Amino acid sequence: MDDLFYMKMAIDLAEKGRGFTSPNPMVGAVVVKDGKVAGKGYHEAYGKAHAEVNAIDDAKKDSFGATLYVTLEPCNHFGKTPPCTKKIIESGIKRVVAAIRDPNPDVKGNGSEYLKNNGIDVIFGVCGKEAEKQNEIFIKYTKTKRPFVMVKCASTLDGNIATKTGDSKWVTGEESRQFVHRLRHYSDAIMVGIDTVKRDNPELTTRIDGMNGLSPVRVILDSRLSISEDALVLNKNSDSDTIMVMSNHAPDKAVLQKKNRLEEKGIKIIESPAENNLINLDILMDTLGLMGITSLLIEGGSRVIASAFSQKIVDKIFFFYAPKILGGDGVSICRGPGPALMRDCLPVKEVGIQKFGDDILIEGYI
């Protein structure tokens, strides 16, 4: 067995924490001694022990003289838990193989240097690309303090997300919809426009078969605060918050009264710059980042999706295509002005394709 084998094992372990560790990264760790796995662990949830601690505790005395494989540079600072470097040194680990360095510029290299100064051999780069992709949300947020933004849509083969009457139930099949609920579980927040709320009255919660998934914070773009106070997103029992984003232009008395009523119900209201009744999403990303939201899943509607692309806030796409042709004047994926020339389209890179039943998912990076 070599370093690559054990690091892949650590990456698989880290994946078990997806959706539970934010704002922390997903991390997996494996302790290996004399060619055998002595201990395994991963960061199970925010506030709980880090992967290195769990793996060393699992290995017990076999950690002495062993190699620790970990997907991210061990921390050397106090947070919710003590620094992992101290645990590593006390355990007698003699070699640490880490996939990537900590992306935080304030602590990058501190952990590895501390370990080296205490006689532990440290190397980086094994499965580095895989580890970076696994923690792409954490890395972007750590470097920019802005959320990693994903756009999800479900459309017919001819690019419609709803009929001309607004009917969209259901474009795709059950398998695709279950995957979308997993995307919600993986995301800190989900965002839709007020038109989607008025048309579908969605709950925007997470419902995963056989799993207690976490529901994201619900962000509703509603520049005029025109939402019905009976809407499910304002009244649904959920552990997650609802945030209404309204224009910061001076509202009239009725809107102010409604704002006060919603806030009394525990609804958070953000007043944000808007133009032509469309919220400036670029500025909003800074605001959401300051609120600690590390990832955002945009689910629509077509004007919101178009604005997200035009304002260049999107990092990743999940486009589901069902084997259906509407063949008429439905609601397109994006609604709004676009470029005049094909060469000015936004390119999608690192394209991947999955199949869910008869539906096709295309994912990639902007």
Protein backbone atom coordinates (compact mmCIF):
# COMPACT_ATOMS: atom_id res chain seq x y z
CA MET A 1 0.00 0.00 0.00
CA ASP A 2 1.25 3.52 -0.76
CA ASP A 3 0.49 7.10 0.22
CA LEU A 4 -2.06 7.45 -2.60
CA PHE A 5 -4.11 4.49 -1.34
CA TYR A 6 -4.37 5.76 2.23
CA MET A 7 -5.08 9.34 1.18
CA LYS A 8 -7.97 8.18 -0.99
CA MET A 9 -9.27 6.37 2.07
CA ALA A 10 -9.04 9.63 4.03
CA ILE A 11 -10.89 11.54 1.30
CA ASP A 12 -13.69 8.94 1.37
CA LEU A 13 -13.92 9.36 5.13
CA ALA A 14 -14.06 13.15 4.83
CA GLU A 15 -17.03 12.87 2.46
CA LYS A 16 -19.14 11.44 5.29
CA GLY A 17 -19.20 14.90 6.87
CA ARG A 18 -20.61 16.70 3.82
CA GLY A 19 -23.42 19.01 4.84
CA PHE A 20 -22.67 18.80 8.57
CA THR A 21 -19.32 20.58 9.04
CA SER A 22 -19.92 24.12 7.70
CA PRO A 23 -18.30 26.57 8.18
CA ASN A 24 -15.51 24.11 8.84
CA PRO A 25 -14.03 21.98 6.05
CA MET A 26 -14.64 18.28 5.51
CA VAL A 27 -11.57 16.41 6.71
CA GLY A 28 -10.69 12.72 6.87
CA ALA A 29 -7.71 11.07 8.56
CA VAL A 30 -6.11 7.63 8.66
CA VAL A 31 -3.37 6.36 11.00
CA VAL A 32 -1.14 3.71 9.43
CA LYS A 33 1.52 1.66 11.23
CA ASP A 34 3.63 -1.13 9.82
CA GLY A 35 1.56 -1.18 6.63
CA LYS A 36 -1.76 -1.58 8.42
CA VAL A 37 -4.59 0.85 9.20
CA ALA A 38 -4.52 1.45 12.94
CA GLY A 39 -7.16 4.17 13.17
CA LYS A 40 -9.65 6.14 11.09
CA GLY A 41 -11.70 9.27 11.67
CA TYR A 42 -13.38 12.25 10.10
CA HIS A 43 -14.77 15.62 11.15
CA GLU A 44 -18.36 14.63 11.82
CA ALA A 45 -19.96 18.01 12.50
CA TYR A 46 -19.16 21.63 13.31
CA GLY A 47 -18.08 21.92 16.94
CA LYS A 48 -17.12 18.25 17.23
CA ALA A 49 -13.63 16.77 17.30
CA HIS A 50 -11.47 17.12 14.21
CA ALA A 51 -10.56 14.19 11.98
CA GLU A 52 -7.01 13.86 13.29
CA VAL A 53 -8.21 13.58 16.88
CA ASN A 54 -10.79 10.92 16.00
CA ALA A 55 -8.27 8.88 14.01
CA ILE A 56 -5.61 9.02 16.73
CA ASP A 57 -8.14 8.13 19.42
CA ASP A 58 -9.24 5.21 17.26
CA ALA A 59 -5.64 4.02 16.88
CA LYS A 60 -4.86 4.41 20.60
CA LYS A 61 -1.26 3.35 21.40
CA ASP A 62 -0.64 2.27 17.81
CA SER A 63 -0.26 5.95 16.89
CA PHE A 64 3.30 5.90 18.29
CA GLY A 65 5.74 5.85 15.39
CA ALA A 66 2.91 5.78 12.83
CA THR A 67 2.05 7.86 9.76
CA LEU A 68 -1.01 10.11 9.76
CA TYR A 69 -2.77 10.71 6.45
CA VAL A 70 -5.03 13.77 6.53
CA THR A 71 -6.84 15.63 3.76
CA LEU A 72 -6.06 19.12 5.11
CA GLU A 73 -3.09 20.61 6.95
CA PRO A 74 -3.60 20.07 10.70
CA CYS A 75 -4.65 23.19 12.58
CA ASN A 76 -2.37 24.91 15.08
CA HIS A 77 -4.88 27.30 16.63
CA PHE A 78 -7.73 27.19 19.10
CA GLY A 79 -11.24 27.35 17.65
CA LYS A 80 -14.22 25.33 18.79
CA THR A 81 -11.67 22.63 19.65
CA PRO A 82 -7.97 22.60 20.69
CA PRO A 83 -5.25 22.55 18.01
CA CYS A 84 -4.74 19.18 16.34
CA THR A 85 -0.97 19.64 16.20
CA LYS A 86 -0.71 19.18 19.96
CA LYS A 87 -2.64 15.90 19.77
CA ILE A 88 -0.41 14.67 16.93
CA ILE A 89 2.80 15.43 18.80
CA GLU A 90 1.58 13.87 22.04
CA SER A 91 0.48 10.71 20.20
CA GLY A 92 3.96 9.95 18.93
CA ILE A 93 3.07 10.25 15.23
CA LYS A 94 6.34 10.49 13.27
CA ARG A 95 5.13 11.34 9.77
CA VAL A 96 2.20 13.40 8.47
CA VAL A 97 1.02 13.23 4.86
CA ALA A 98 -1.43 16.04 4.06
CA ALA A 99 -3.30 16.53 0.78
CA ILE A 100 -3.43 20.34 0.84
CA ARG A 101 -2.33 23.26 2.96
CA ASP A 102 -4.83 25.27 4.97
CA PRO A 103 -6.08 27.99 2.55
CA ASN A 104 -6.52 30.53 5.33
CA PRO A 105 -3.76 33.11 4.72
CA ASP A 106 -3.62 33.87 8.44
CA VAL A 107 -2.74 30.30 9.44
CA LYS A 108 -1.39 28.72 6.22
CA GLY A 109 1.73 26.73 7.05
CA ASN A 110 1.52 27.25 10.81
CA GLY A 111 0.45 23.69 11.47
CA SER A 112 3.07 22.03 9.30
CA GLU A 113 5.90 24.25 10.55
CA TYR A 114 4.98 23.54 14.16
CA LEU A 115 5.00 19.81 13.48
CA LYS A 116 8.34 20.00 11.67
CA ASN A 117 9.85 21.97 14.55
CA ASN A 118 8.82 19.10 16.82
CA GLY A 119 10.59 16.45 14.76
CA ILE A 120 7.69 15.25 12.61
CA ASP A 121 8.17 14.75 8.88
CA VAL A 122 5.45 16.53 6.86
CA ILE A 123 4.72 16.26 3.14
CA PHE A 124 1.95 17.76 0.99
CA GLY A 125 0.36 17.16 -2.39
CA VAL A 126 -0.93 13.59 -2.31
CA CYS A 127 -4.42 13.69 -3.93
CA GLY A 128 -4.22 17.49 -3.79
CA LYS A 129 -6.65 18.14 -6.65
CA GLU A 130 -9.24 15.76 -5.23
CA ALA A 131 -8.97 17.37 -1.79
CA GLU A 132 -9.29 20.88 -3.25
CA LYS A 133 -12.45 19.94 -5.13
CA GLN A 134 -13.92 18.27 -2.09
CA ASN A 135 -13.47 21.47 -0.07
CA GLU A 136 -14.06 23.99 -2.87
CA ILE A 137 -16.70 25.73 -0.75
CA PHE A 138 -14.43 26.11 2.27
CA ILE A 139 -11.50 27.25 0.14
CA LYS A 140 -13.43 29.98 -1.68
CA TYR A 141 -15.10 31.29 1.45
CA THR A 142 -11.85 31.28 3.41
CA LYS A 143 -10.08 33.30 0.72
CA THR A 144 -12.89 35.71 -0.25
CA LYS A 145 -15.45 35.73 2.60
CA ARG A 146 -18.10 35.27 -0.10
CA PRO A 147 -20.27 32.18 -0.55
CA PHE A 148 -19.56 29.52 -3.14
CA VAL A 149 -22.54 29.96 -5.49
CA MET A 150 -24.27 27.09 -7.29
CA VAL A 151 -27.16 27.31 -9.76
CA LYS A 152 -29.56 24.42 -10.07
CA CYS A 153 -32.32 24.17 -12.65
CA ALA A 154 -34.51 21.47 -14.14
CA SER A 155 -35.64 21.87 -17.73
CA THR A 156 -37.07 20.15 -20.75
CA LEU A 157 -34.75 19.35 -23.63
CA ASP A 158 -35.80 22.58 -25.32
CA GLY A 159 -34.76 24.64 -22.28
CA ASN A 160 -38.03 25.32 -20.45
CA ILE A 161 -38.37 25.18 -16.67
CA ALA A 162 -42.15 25.69 -16.70
CA THR A 163 -45.09 25.99 -19.05
CA LYS A 164 -46.57 29.36 -20.02
CA THR A 165 -49.03 28.96 -17.12
CA GLY A 166 -46.14 28.54 -14.68
CA ASP A 167 -46.67 24.82 -14.13
CA SER A 168 -43.38 23.12 -13.23
CA LYS A 169 -44.46 20.03 -11.29
CA TRP A 170 -42.64 18.01 -12.21
CA VAL A 171 -40.07 18.60 -14.91
CA THR A 172 -37.72 15.85 -13.70
CA GLY A 173 -38.23 12.53 -11.97
CA GLU A 174 -38.02 11.44 -8.35
CA GLU A 175 -34.36 10.39 -8.50
CA SER A 176 -33.31 13.85 -9.69
CA ARG A 177 -35.41 15.52 -7.03
CA GLN A 178 -33.80 13.39 -4.31
CA PHE A 179 -30.37 14.53 -5.50
CA VAL A 180 -31.53 18.16 -5.34
CA HIS A 181 -32.53 17.62 -1.71
CA ARG A 182 -28.99 16.41 -1.10
CA LEU A 183 -27.69 19.60 -2.70
CA ARG A 184 -29.85 21.54 -0.25
CA HIS A 185 -28.43 19.55 2.64
CA TYR A 186 -24.90 20.33 1.42
CA SER A 187 -25.62 24.09 1.15
CA ASP A 188 -25.76 26.74 3.85
CA ALA A 189 -28.49 28.67 2.05
CA ILE A 190 -30.96 28.38 -0.83
CA MET A 191 -32.17 31.38 -2.83
CA VAL A 192 -35.22 31.98 -5.02
CA GLY A 193 -37.07 35.02 -6.30
CA ILE A 194 -40.49 36.15 -5.16
CA ASP A 195 -42.10 34.98 -8.41
CA THR A 196 -41.15 31.40 -7.56
CA VAL A 197 -42.65 31.77 -4.08
CA LYS A 198 -45.88 33.22 -5.45
CA ARG A 199 -46.18 30.57 -8.16
CA ASP A 200 -45.15 27.41 -6.29
CA ASN A 201 -45.43 28.33 -2.58
CA PRO A 202 -42.42 26.07 -1.87
CA GLU A 203 -41.20 24.97 1.56
CA LEU A 204 -37.52 25.06 0.50
CA THR A 205 -36.61 22.43 3.10
CA THR A 206 -34.56 19.26 2.86
CA ARG A 207 -36.30 15.91 2.61
CA ILE A 208 -33.97 12.94 2.04
CA ASP A 209 -35.17 9.36 2.23
CA GLY A 210 -33.59 7.55 5.16
CA MET A 211 -31.52 10.52 6.30
CA ASN A 212 -32.01 13.44 8.66
CA GLY A 213 -30.72 16.11 6.30
CA LEU A 214 -30.20 19.73 7.31
CA SER A 215 -32.38 22.40 5.75
CA PRO A 216 -30.59 25.48 4.38
CA VAL A 217 -31.29 29.07 5.29
CA ARG A 218 -33.98 30.30 2.90
CA VAL A 219 -33.18 33.56 1.08
CA ILE A 220 -36.07 35.18 -0.78
CA LEU A 221 -35.45 38.07 -3.19
CA ASP A 222 -38.44 40.40 -2.86
CA SER A 223 -37.52 44.01 -3.59
CA ARG A 224 -41.01 45.33 -2.73
CA LEU A 225 -41.70 42.91 0.13
CA SER A 226 -44.80 41.71 -1.68
CA ILE A 227 -44.75 38.18 -0.23
CA SER A 228 -47.95 36.77 1.24
CA GLU A 229 -47.68 36.52 4.99
CA ASP A 230 -49.22 33.04 4.67
CA ALA A 231 -46.40 31.76 2.44
CA LEU A 232 -44.92 28.44 3.59
CA VAL A 233 -41.37 29.84 3.71
CA LEU A 234 -42.54 32.26 6.40
CA ASN A 235 -44.50 29.74 8.44
CA LYS A 236 -43.03 26.28 7.85
CA ASN A 237 -41.66 24.66 10.99
CA SER A 238 -37.94 24.36 10.33
CA ASP A 239 -34.65 24.71 12.15
CA SER A 240 -33.45 27.05 9.39
CA ASP A 241 -34.02 30.79 9.16
CA THR A 242 -35.82 32.70 6.43
CA ILE A 243 -34.20 35.88 5.12
CA MET A 244 -36.17 38.34 3.03
CA VAL A 245 -34.09 40.63 0.80
CA MET A 246 -35.86 43.87 -0.05
CA SER A 247 -34.79 47.04 -1.82
CA ASN A 248 -33.12 49.67 0.33
CA HIS A 249 -35.05 52.40 -1.49
CA ALA A 250 -37.32 54.27 0.90
CA PRO A 251 -40.38 52.02 1.38
CA ASP A 252 -43.89 53.37 1.94
CA LYS A 253 -45.74 53.11 5.25
CA ALA A 254 -47.51 49.84 4.37
CA VAL A 255 -44.24 48.12 3.49
CA LEU A 256 -42.62 49.31 6.71
CA GLN A 257 -45.54 47.96 8.71
CA LYS A 258 -45.27 44.63 6.93
CA LYS A 259 -41.52 44.56 7.54
CA ASN A 260 -42.13 45.06 11.25
CA ARG A 261 -44.71 42.27 11.36
CA LEU A 262 -42.37 39.84 9.64
CA GLU A 263 -39.48 40.71 11.94
CA GLU A 264 -41.76 40.14 14.94
CA LYS A 265 -42.33 36.61 13.58
CA GLY A 266 -38.57 36.00 13.54
CA ILE A 267 -38.06 36.63 9.82
CA LYS A 268 -34.77 38.37 9.04
CA ILE A 269 -34.99 41.33 6.66
CA ILE A 270 -32.03 42.57 4.62
CA GLU A 271 -32.30 45.92 2.85
CA SER A 272 -30.02 45.79 -0.17
CA PRO A 273 -29.32 47.97 -3.24
CA ALA A 274 -31.60 47.29 -6.21
CA GLU A 275 -32.00 48.59 -9.74
CA ASN A 276 -35.22 48.30 -11.74
CA ASN A 277 -36.63 46.27 -8.84
CA LEU A 278 -33.83 43.71 -9.19
CA ILE A 279 -31.57 43.13 -6.18
CA ASN A 280 -27.86 43.66 -6.82
CA LEU A 281 -26.66 40.09 -6.28
CA ASP A 282 -22.96 40.96 -6.27
CA ILE A 283 -23.40 43.24 -3.26
CA LEU A 284 -25.73 40.71 -1.65
CA MET A 285 -23.00 38.05 -1.77
CA ASP A 286 -20.80 40.25 0.42
CA THR A 287 -23.67 40.64 2.87
CA LEU A 288 -24.41 36.93 3.01
CA GLY A 289 -20.71 36.20 3.45
CA LEU A 290 -20.56 38.52 6.45
CA MET A 291 -23.46 36.52 7.89
CA GLY A 292 -21.33 33.38 7.76
CA ILE A 293 -23.04 31.79 4.77
CA THR A 294 -20.31 29.84 2.98
CA SER A 295 -22.40 28.29 0.18
CA LEU A 296 -25.53 29.32 -1.70
CA LEU A 297 -27.74 27.21 -3.95
CA ILE A 298 -29.81 29.28 -6.40
CA GLU A 299 -32.95 27.46 -7.54
CA GLY A 300 -34.71 30.14 -9.55
CA GLY A 301 -36.65 31.53 -11.15
CA SER A 302 -35.48 32.45 -14.61
CA ARG A 303 -34.86 36.15 -13.87
CA VAL A 304 -32.84 35.31 -10.76
CA ILE A 305 -30.76 32.75 -12.66
CA ALA A 306 -30.15 35.22 -15.50
CA SER A 307 -29.13 37.93 -13.02
CA ALA A 308 -26.75 35.55 -11.26
CA PHE A 309 -24.97 34.76 -14.52
CA SER A 310 -24.93 38.35 -15.76
CA GLN A 311 -23.49 39.60 -12.47
CA LYS A 312 -20.85 36.83 -12.57
CA ILE A 313 -21.45 35.47 -9.08
CA VAL A 314 -21.86 31.81 -10.13
CA ASP A 315 -19.14 29.24 -9.42
CA LYS A 316 -20.85 25.97 -10.37
CA ILE A 317 -23.94 24.74 -12.22
CA PHE A 318 -26.24 21.74 -11.88
CA PHE A 319 -28.49 21.61 -14.96
CA PHE A 320 -30.99 18.75 -15.09
CA TYR A 321 -32.53 17.87 -18.44
CA ALA A 322 -35.64 15.69 -18.62
CA PRO A 323 -36.45 13.72 -21.81
CA LYS A 324 -39.36 16.03 -22.61
CA ILE A 325 -40.01 18.66 -25.26
CA LEU A 326 -42.45 21.42 -24.39
CA GLY A 327 -42.48 22.71 -27.94
CA GLY A 328 -44.06 26.05 -27.15
CA ASP A 329 -43.88 29.34 -25.32
CA GLY A 330 -42.80 28.15 -21.90
CA VAL A 331 -40.55 29.75 -19.27
CA SER A 332 -36.91 29.54 -20.29
CA ILE A 333 -34.02 28.82 -17.92
CA CYS A 334 -32.80 32.41 -18.18
CA ARG A 335 -35.06 35.37 -18.82
CA GLY A 336 -33.50 38.74 -19.58
CA PRO A 337 -30.98 40.38 -21.90
CA GLY A 338 -28.12 38.24 -23.14
CA PRO A 339 -25.08 38.72 -25.38
CA ALA A 340 -25.50 39.43 -29.08
CA LEU A 341 -22.72 37.06 -30.13
CA MET A 342 -22.25 33.36 -29.41
CA ARG A 343 -18.59 33.97 -28.60
CA ASP A 344 -19.67 36.00 -25.57
CA CYS A 345 -21.46 33.07 -23.92
CA LEU A 346 -20.22 32.02 -20.49
CA PRO A 347 -18.05 28.92 -20.94
CA VAL A 348 -18.64 25.95 -18.66
CA LYS A 349 -15.50 24.03 -17.71
CA GLU A 350 -14.73 20.64 -16.14
CA VAL A 351 -18.06 19.32 -17.36
CA GLY A 352 -19.42 16.17 -15.77
CA ILE A 353 -22.49 14.13 -16.70
CA GLN A 354 -24.63 11.91 -14.49
CA LYS A 355 -27.87 10.08 -15.11
CA PHE A 356 -30.79 9.91 -12.69
CA GLY A 357 -33.44 7.60 -14.09
CA ASP A 358 -34.11 9.03 -17.55
CA ASP A 359 -32.88 12.51 -16.57
CA ILE A 360 -29.43 13.84 -17.41
CA LEU A 361 -27.48 16.10 -15.05
CA ILE A 362 -24.77 18.35 -16.48
CA GLU A 363 -22.52 19.95 -13.92
CA GLY A 364 -19.53 22.18 -14.38
CA TYR A 365 -17.74 25.34 -13.35
CA ILE A 366 -18.11 28.88 -14.66
